[in-house]
Structures are given as structure tokens and as C-alpha cells.
């Protein structure tokens, strides 16, 4: 057993880790990213294999996990619904038992959260949620790392997570997996989420799995949600799996486009984030996403760096 290694852990939703674990992860991500930028070879996962299972299409998730695993010295097996039996002719439980005997780590991007939970319950290796209908923890990891890079002081032990306390994140749009995960992050790390969604698309705190209703506030008017915010963020109006609702959603969400007026009522130095892909003129204007307050490209890159830290932690435990 390697130093720092503990019992096997899965990462299925943001609340699976404690605040002090996130402090460690963000510091590791900072160090790993710095090594990457300095062209320093760092391969602690040599001879380790990551299986990536995709039931939902992906660009950033696939590239970030695959490139990250190769950079860390490991290898990758890529599976899609076309070449795997996940939940079709073979029970999920059996797929988990087989796949986890052949690899060291599994990342799954699928529909229902229950699928990944069933897989993890029968896996012999750590399982990571690459996205489900209910949660997207790796994206919020990247978003928070990006915020810390731009706004947090670095002390002897890394980023000062105390800087998150009292901050306001404005979520404008659909009460989806991203919104659910932001609520979990707020509950754990001590900031507040201002949520504004159209009627019928609200966040369900029971699905989000938060106990502290004080970690978020609901606003009917998205402009009010953005007032005083330190970070304004949104997502596409129609997530994968909801394409049949697209025309209806375009009408319902018409007033929830993040624009210059919303950014103007936020803090003067507020950041704008979007997990991408983005539809300019729908959930955000081109002026905002391509403007000086937007950090979406740093945010996209940081998926890779923070996931490298996550994989290192799940396989090797704490380093040093």
C-alpha cells in the first residue's frame, strides 16, 4: 500500500469530498498545472489504466481525461454505447465487475445518476462521474479552480479557500446538473448561489442533495440574481437528453440570456463562466462570453488539470 493511500473512494457527486480534501485537490491541481506549463515531466500513474465509458457525447470530457491520463504516464480505454454492453444486454452490475478487474480507474458519462451509482457499488476500482443528468462535479471542480486562480491569494499551503466564504455565484438558466452541483459546492465551501430559472425549470433541493437552504437564494428576475455577484455563470438551455423540448425551452428561457446589463449589476470585477459548448445569442451574448470578464477558456483547460489531481488522489492518496 502506497504512502497516503486510504480505502478506495469514488467521486460521484461534489459532496463526496470534504472541504479540506478540496483544499488539497486545488493545491495539487495548481502544482500539476505549473509543471505542465513548465514542460516538466510528471508521470505518477505509469502502468495505470483509465476506462472511459460514454453514453453521452463528449468533447471536453474526453479530451481532458484522455490527455490528462497520458500526461500522467497512464493509458486509456475508450468505450461508447456502440462498443460496450453497459445496461443493455448485460446488467450494469456485471459490466462493473468485469471492467474493474481490468483497469485501475473508471470514468463514466451517462444519463441517470442511478446508473453510475450501481456501477460504483460493484466496482473494485474508483469511479468518477464525468457527467450525469443530475450532477457534473468535475466541471464545478474546474470552475472553482479557475475562480481561485483569478481571485484567491496563495499561501504556504496553497490557495486560501477562505476567500470563497461570503462570495456570491449567480446561476442564470436551467435548474440542471450544473445548478445542482453548484448548490452542493456552496454548502461545503461556504459561499452562496443566487439561482434564477424560468418557471417550471427550478432547482429541486431534494435532487441537489443539499440540507442547508441558506446556501442558495432564488430570484424570479435574473437581473436581481446577478446583483452583487462575484461570478456569473450559465449553461445551454437544452441539455443532452432534452432535445425534444428545445422549441419550448427557447420560448421559456428568452429572458435568461446573460448580457452586458446583467454583468453590469454584478461586482465590478465579476467573472463570467460557461461550461461549454455555448450558443451565442441564446444563453449568453457574444459581448459577454468573448468579453474581458469571461474566463471560459481558462475554465475549459482547467478541466484537465483538476482531473489530473483528482485521478492522482483517487489512485495514490495524498502526495507528501
Protein backbone atom coordinates (compact mmCIF):
# COMPACT_ATOMS: atom_id res chain seq x y z
CA UNK A 1 0.00 0.00 0.00
CA UNK A 2 1.45 3.36 -1.09
CA UNK A 3 2.04 6.20 1.39
CA UNK A 4 -1.01 8.39 1.75
CA UNK A 5 -3.32 5.77 0.29
CA UNK A 6 -6.61 5.14 2.04
CA UNK A 7 -9.62 2.97 1.37
CA UNK A 8 -10.99 3.13 -2.17
CA UNK A 9 -13.07 6.23 -2.91
CA UNK A 10 -15.48 7.11 -5.69
CA UNK A 11 -16.26 10.61 -6.95
CA UNK A 12 -19.91 10.54 -7.96
CA UNK A 13 -21.07 13.97 -6.77
CA UNK A 14 -19.46 17.03 -5.26
CA UNK A 15 -20.48 16.25 -1.69
CA UNK A 16 -18.42 13.05 -1.76
CA UNK A 17 -15.42 15.08 -0.55
CA UNK A 18 -14.92 17.39 2.43
CA UNK A 19 -13.72 20.99 2.34
CA UNK A 20 -10.20 20.05 3.42
CA UNK A 21 -9.98 17.50 0.62
CA UNK A 22 -10.92 20.20 -1.88
CA UNK A 23 -8.22 22.46 -0.46
CA UNK A 24 -5.74 19.64 -1.11
CA UNK A 25 -7.09 18.94 -4.63
CA UNK A 26 -6.91 22.57 -5.72
CA UNK A 27 -3.33 22.85 -4.46
CA UNK A 28 -2.35 19.66 -6.30
CA UNK A 29 -4.05 20.97 -9.44
CA UNK A 30 -2.06 24.20 -9.13
CA UNK A 31 1.22 22.30 -8.79
CA UNK A 32 0.41 19.85 -11.60
CA UNK A 33 -0.64 22.68 -13.93
CA UNK A 34 2.55 24.61 -13.15
CA UNK A 35 4.63 21.55 -14.03
CA UNK A 36 2.68 21.17 -17.28
CA UNK A 37 3.28 24.81 -18.22
CA UNK A 38 6.99 24.42 -17.44
CA UNK A 39 7.23 21.26 -19.59
CA UNK A 40 8.26 19.24 -16.56
CA UNK A 41 7.60 15.54 -16.97
CA UNK A 42 5.42 14.16 -14.18
CA UNK A 43 4.13 10.61 -14.56
CA UNK A 44 2.96 9.14 -11.23
CA UNK A 45 0.31 6.98 -12.94
CA UNK A 46 2.66 4.90 -15.09
CA UNK A 47 1.16 1.46 -15.79
CA UNK A 48 -2.28 2.63 -14.61
CA UNK A 49 -5.25 2.37 -16.97
CA UNK A 50 -8.35 4.55 -17.12
CA UNK A 51 -11.53 3.20 -18.72
CA UNK A 52 -13.76 5.96 -20.09
CA UNK A 53 -17.38 4.96 -20.75
CA UNK A 54 -19.51 7.39 -22.75
CA UNK A 55 -23.26 7.08 -23.09
CA UNK A 56 -23.44 10.82 -23.79
CA UNK A 57 -21.37 12.52 -26.46
CA UNK A 58 -18.35 14.48 -25.29
CA UNK A 59 -15.60 16.81 -26.42
CA UNK A 60 -14.07 18.45 -23.34
CA UNK A 61 -14.62 15.47 -21.04
CA UNK A 62 -12.95 13.03 -23.41
CA UNK A 63 -10.02 15.25 -24.33
CA UNK A 64 -9.37 16.41 -20.76
CA UNK A 65 -9.43 12.94 -19.21
CA UNK A 66 -7.59 11.22 -22.06
CA UNK A 67 -4.85 13.82 -22.46
CA UNK A 68 -4.54 14.12 -18.69
CA UNK A 69 -4.12 10.39 -18.15
CA UNK A 70 -1.49 10.12 -20.89
CA UNK A 71 0.41 13.10 -19.46
CA UNK A 72 0.41 11.40 -16.05
CA UNK A 73 2.00 8.31 -17.63
CA UNK A 74 -1.09 6.11 -17.80
CA UNK A 75 -3.13 4.64 -20.63
CA UNK A 76 -6.79 4.91 -21.65
CA UNK A 77 -9.51 2.57 -22.90
CA UNK A 78 -12.36 4.44 -24.59
CA UNK A 79 -15.83 2.84 -24.70
CA UNK A 80 -19.12 4.13 -26.10
CA UNK A 81 -22.63 2.70 -26.14
CA UNK A 82 -21.84 1.25 -29.53
CA UNK A 83 -18.97 -0.92 -28.29
CA UNK A 84 -19.92 -1.64 -24.69
CA UNK A 85 -22.75 -3.57 -23.05
CA UNK A 86 -23.43 -1.11 -20.24
CA UNK A 87 -27.02 -1.66 -19.17
CA UNK A 88 -28.10 -3.22 -22.49
CA UNK A 89 -27.57 -6.93 -22.96
CA UNK A 90 -25.50 -7.11 -19.77
CA UNK A 91 -26.53 -5.77 -16.36
CA UNK A 92 -24.61 -2.72 -15.18
CA UNK A 93 -23.51 -4.67 -12.13
CA UNK A 94 -21.86 -7.35 -14.30
CA UNK A 95 -20.14 -4.76 -16.50
CA UNK A 96 -18.72 -3.16 -13.36
CA UNK A 97 -17.43 -6.47 -12.04
CA UNK A 98 -15.66 -7.24 -15.33
CA UNK A 99 -14.29 -3.83 -16.32
CA UNK A 100 -12.98 -3.05 -12.84
CA UNK A 101 -10.89 -6.24 -12.89
CA UNK A 102 -9.01 -5.00 -15.95
CA UNK A 103 -8.39 -1.30 -15.25
CA UNK A 104 -7.40 0.91 -12.32
CA UNK A 105 -9.94 3.70 -12.68
CA UNK A 106 -13.28 4.25 -14.45
CA UNK A 107 -14.85 7.49 -15.67
CA UNK A 108 -18.48 7.33 -16.78
CA UNK A 109 -20.54 9.94 -18.65
CA UNK A 110 -24.13 8.77 -18.71
CA UNK A 111 -27.78 9.71 -18.15
CA UNK A 112 -29.32 8.71 -14.80
CA UNK A 113 -27.20 9.10 -11.66
CA UNK A 114 -28.54 5.72 -10.57
CA UNK A 115 -26.53 4.06 -13.36
CA UNK A 116 -23.19 5.32 -12.14
CA UNK A 117 -24.11 4.54 -8.54
CA UNK A 118 -24.98 0.95 -9.46
CA UNK A 119 -21.69 0.63 -11.35
CA UNK A 120 -19.68 2.04 -8.44
CA UNK A 121 -21.38 -0.27 -5.95
CA UNK A 122 -19.93 -3.28 -7.82
CA UNK A 123 -16.59 -1.81 -8.91
CA UNK A 124 -13.25 -2.85 -7.47
CA UNK A 125 -11.67 0.46 -8.56
CA UNK A 126 -12.56 4.16 -8.13
CA UNK A 127 -15.34 5.51 -10.32
CA UNK A 128 -15.57 9.16 -11.45
CA UNK A 129 -18.71 10.95 -12.58
CA UNK A 130 -17.91 12.56 -15.94
CA UNK A 131 -21.50 13.89 -16.10
CA UNK A 132 -24.99 12.60 -15.35
CA UNK A 133 -28.42 14.17 -15.67
CA UNK A 134 -28.24 15.14 -12.01
CA UNK A 135 -24.62 16.17 -11.38
CA UNK A 136 -21.42 17.41 -13.05
CA UNK A 137 -18.83 17.53 -10.25
CA UNK A 138 -15.70 17.61 -12.43
CA UNK A 139 -16.92 20.76 -14.17
CA UNK A 140 -17.52 22.55 -10.88
CA UNK A 141 -14.04 21.47 -9.78
CA UNK A 142 -12.66 23.22 -12.86
CA UNK A 143 -14.85 26.28 -12.32
CA UNK A 144 -13.72 26.69 -8.73
CA UNK A 145 -10.06 26.18 -9.66
CA UNK A 146 -10.47 28.91 -12.28
CA UNK A 147 -12.04 31.28 -9.78
CA UNK A 148 -9.24 30.60 -7.30
CA UNK A 149 -6.59 31.21 -9.97
CA UNK A 150 -8.05 34.62 -10.73
CA UNK A 151 -9.12 35.75 -7.29
CA UNK A 152 -7.53 33.77 -4.43
CA UNK A 153 -4.28 34.52 -2.63
CA UNK A 154 -1.76 31.68 -2.45
CA UNK A 155 -0.30 30.99 0.98
CA UNK A 156 2.20 28.39 2.22
CA UNK A 157 -0.33 25.57 1.92
CA UNK A 158 -1.83 26.67 -1.42
CA UNK A 159 -4.95 28.58 -2.35
CA UNK A 160 -6.74 30.23 0.55
CA UNK A 161 -10.24 28.75 0.32
CA UNK A 162 -11.42 31.21 2.95
CA UNK A 163 -11.70 33.67 0.08
CA UNK A 164 -14.80 31.78 -1.06
CA UNK A 165 -16.71 32.48 2.14
CA UNK A 166 -19.36 35.11 1.62
CA UNK A 167 -18.94 35.17 -2.14
CA UNK A 168 -21.97 35.04 -4.45
CA UNK A 169 -22.28 32.88 -7.56
CA UNK A 170 -25.20 33.82 -9.84
CA UNK A 171 -26.66 30.87 -11.71
CA UNK A 172 -28.84 32.03 -14.62
CA UNK A 173 -30.77 29.47 -16.66
CA UNK A 174 -31.80 25.85 -16.28
CA UNK A 175 -32.00 24.15 -12.88
CA UNK A 176 -29.89 21.30 -14.24
CA UNK A 177 -26.93 19.14 -13.22
CA UNK A 178 -24.63 22.17 -13.09
CA UNK A 179 -27.00 24.09 -10.83
CA UNK A 180 -27.38 21.07 -8.54
CA UNK A 181 -23.63 20.75 -8.23
CA UNK A 182 -23.12 24.46 -7.56
CA UNK A 183 -25.51 24.14 -4.62
CA UNK A 184 -23.52 21.24 -3.18
CA UNK A 185 -20.29 23.20 -3.59
CA UNK A 186 -21.80 26.22 -1.85
CA UNK A 187 -22.91 24.12 1.10
CA UNK A 188 -19.45 22.62 1.54
CA UNK A 189 -17.27 25.65 0.83
CA UNK A 190 -19.31 28.44 2.39
CA UNK A 191 -20.45 30.66 -0.47
CA UNK A 192 -23.97 31.46 -1.71
CA UNK A 193 -25.63 30.69 -5.04
CA UNK A 194 -28.23 33.08 -6.45
CA UNK A 195 -30.45 30.93 -8.64
CA UNK A 196 -32.73 32.31 -11.33
CA UNK A 197 -34.60 29.93 -13.62
CA UNK A 198 -37.82 30.17 -15.65
CA UNK A 199 -40.96 28.80 -14.02
CA UNK A 200 -41.05 25.04 -14.34
CA UNK A 201 -37.25 24.69 -14.56
CA UNK A 202 -36.37 25.33 -10.92
CA UNK A 203 -33.65 23.57 -8.95
CA UNK A 204 -35.05 20.81 -6.75
CA UNK A 205 -33.09 20.89 -3.47
CA UNK A 206 -34.03 17.25 -2.84
CA UNK A 207 -32.36 16.22 -6.11
CA UNK A 208 -29.44 18.56 -5.47
CA UNK A 209 -29.00 16.85 -2.12
CA UNK A 210 -28.41 19.97 -0.02
CA UNK A 211 -29.58 20.27 3.57
CA UNK A 212 -28.62 23.91 4.13
CA UNK A 213 -31.19 26.03 2.28
CA UNK A 214 -29.19 29.07 3.37
CA UNK A 215 -26.52 28.24 0.78
CA UNK A 216 -28.75 29.49 -2.04
CA UNK A 217 -31.39 32.12 -2.78
CA UNK A 218 -33.99 32.02 -5.55
CA UNK A 219 -34.77 35.02 -7.75
CA UNK A 220 -37.54 35.33 -10.33
CA UNK A 221 -35.67 38.07 -12.15
CA UNK A 222 -32.22 37.03 -13.43
CA UNK A 223 -31.01 40.62 -13.18
CA UNK A 224 -31.67 40.52 -9.43
CA UNK A 225 -29.78 37.23 -9.15
CA UNK A 226 -26.71 38.83 -10.74
CA UNK A 227 -26.79 41.91 -8.50
CA UNK A 228 -23.58 41.97 -6.45
CA UNK A 229 -22.40 38.58 -7.73
CA UNK A 230 -18.70 37.75 -7.83
CA UNK A 231 -19.22 35.11 -10.51
CA UNK A 232 -21.98 34.86 -13.13
CA UNK A 233 -22.41 31.52 -14.83
CA UNK A 234 -24.84 29.71 -17.09
CA UNK A 235 -25.26 26.68 -19.35
CA UNK A 236 -27.09 25.75 -22.53
CA UNK A 237 -30.85 25.92 -22.29
CA UNK A 238 -31.32 22.42 -23.67
CA UNK A 239 -29.03 19.79 -22.18
CA UNK A 240 -28.35 16.41 -23.81
CA UNK A 241 -31.36 14.16 -23.49
CA UNK A 242 -33.86 17.03 -23.58
CA UNK A 243 -33.67 17.87 -27.30
CA UNK A 244 -37.39 17.18 -27.80
CA UNK A 245 -38.11 20.16 -25.53
CA UNK A 246 -35.87 22.57 -27.43
CA UNK A 247 -38.55 24.76 -29.06
CA UNK A 248 -40.47 25.03 -25.79
CA UNK A 249 -37.31 25.85 -23.86
CA UNK A 250 -36.25 28.60 -26.30
CA UNK A 251 -39.50 30.42 -25.50
CA UNK A 252 -39.36 29.81 -21.75
CA UNK A 253 -35.73 30.94 -21.39
CA UNK A 254 -35.88 34.02 -23.63
CA UNK A 255 -35.32 36.42 -20.70
CA UNK A 256 -32.47 34.36 -19.19
CA UNK A 257 -29.72 35.33 -21.63
CA UNK A 258 -26.69 36.61 -19.73
CA UNK A 259 -25.97 40.01 -21.23
CA UNK A 260 -23.99 43.17 -20.52
CA UNK A 261 -26.77 44.54 -18.30
CA UNK A 262 -26.55 41.51 -16.00
CA UNK A 263 -22.77 41.75 -15.81
CA UNK A 264 -23.03 45.48 -15.07
CA UNK A 265 -25.02 44.90 -11.85
CA UNK A 266 -22.58 42.23 -10.65
CA UNK A 267 -19.37 43.15 -8.82
CA UNK A 268 -17.09 45.35 -10.97
CA UNK A 269 -14.53 42.54 -11.14
CA UNK A 270 -17.06 39.71 -11.53
CA UNK A 271 -16.05 36.78 -13.70
CA UNK A 272 -18.22 35.06 -16.30
CA UNK A 273 -18.11 31.28 -16.79
CA UNK A 274 -19.82 28.78 -19.07
CA UNK A 275 -19.09 25.05 -19.16
CA UNK A 276 -19.42 24.99 -22.99
CA UNK A 277 -20.49 24.39 -25.68
CA UNK A 278 -22.07 27.84 -25.83
CA UNK A 279 -24.77 29.23 -28.10
CA UNK A 280 -24.09 32.94 -28.54
CA UNK A 281 -27.35 34.83 -28.64
CA UNK A 282 -29.20 32.22 -26.58
CA UNK A 283 -27.96 31.68 -23.02
CA UNK A 284 -25.23 34.33 -23.35
CA UNK A 285 -24.44 37.20 -25.66
CA UNK A 286 -21.24 37.25 -27.69
CA UNK A 287 -20.36 40.52 -25.95
CA UNK A 288 -20.19 38.72 -22.60
CA UNK A 289 -18.61 35.36 -23.47
CA UNK A 290 -15.99 36.99 -25.68
CA UNK A 291 -15.56 39.97 -23.37
CA UNK A 292 -12.90 40.87 -20.79
CA UNK A 293 -14.74 39.33 -17.81
CA UNK A 294 -15.06 35.92 -19.46
CA UNK A 295 -12.67 33.19 -18.31
CA UNK A 296 -14.31 30.33 -20.22
CA UNK A 297 -11.11 29.22 -21.97
CA UNK A 298 -9.15 29.01 -18.71
CA UNK A 299 -12.16 27.17 -17.29
CA UNK A 300 -12.14 24.64 -20.15
CA UNK A 301 -8.40 24.00 -19.84
CA UNK A 302 -8.67 23.56 -16.10
CA UNK A 303 -10.87 20.52 -16.56
CA UNK A 304 -7.70 18.65 -17.49
CA UNK A 305 -5.53 19.95 -14.68
CA UNK A 306 -8.02 19.43 -11.86
CA UNK A 307 -8.98 15.99 -13.15
CA UNK A 308 -5.31 15.00 -13.15
CA UNK A 309 -5.21 15.97 -9.48
CA UNK A 310 -8.43 14.02 -8.88
CA UNK A 311 -7.12 10.86 -10.56
CA UNK A 312 -3.84 11.10 -8.67
CA UNK A 313 -5.74 11.46 -5.38
CA UNK A 314 -8.10 8.54 -6.03
CA UNK A 315 -5.27 6.22 -7.05
CA UNK A 316 -2.38 7.33 -4.85
CA UNK A 317 -3.92 9.27 -1.98
CA UNK A 318 -2.20 12.38 -0.65
CA UNK A 319 1.25 13.11 -2.04
CA UNK A 320 3.75 14.25 0.57
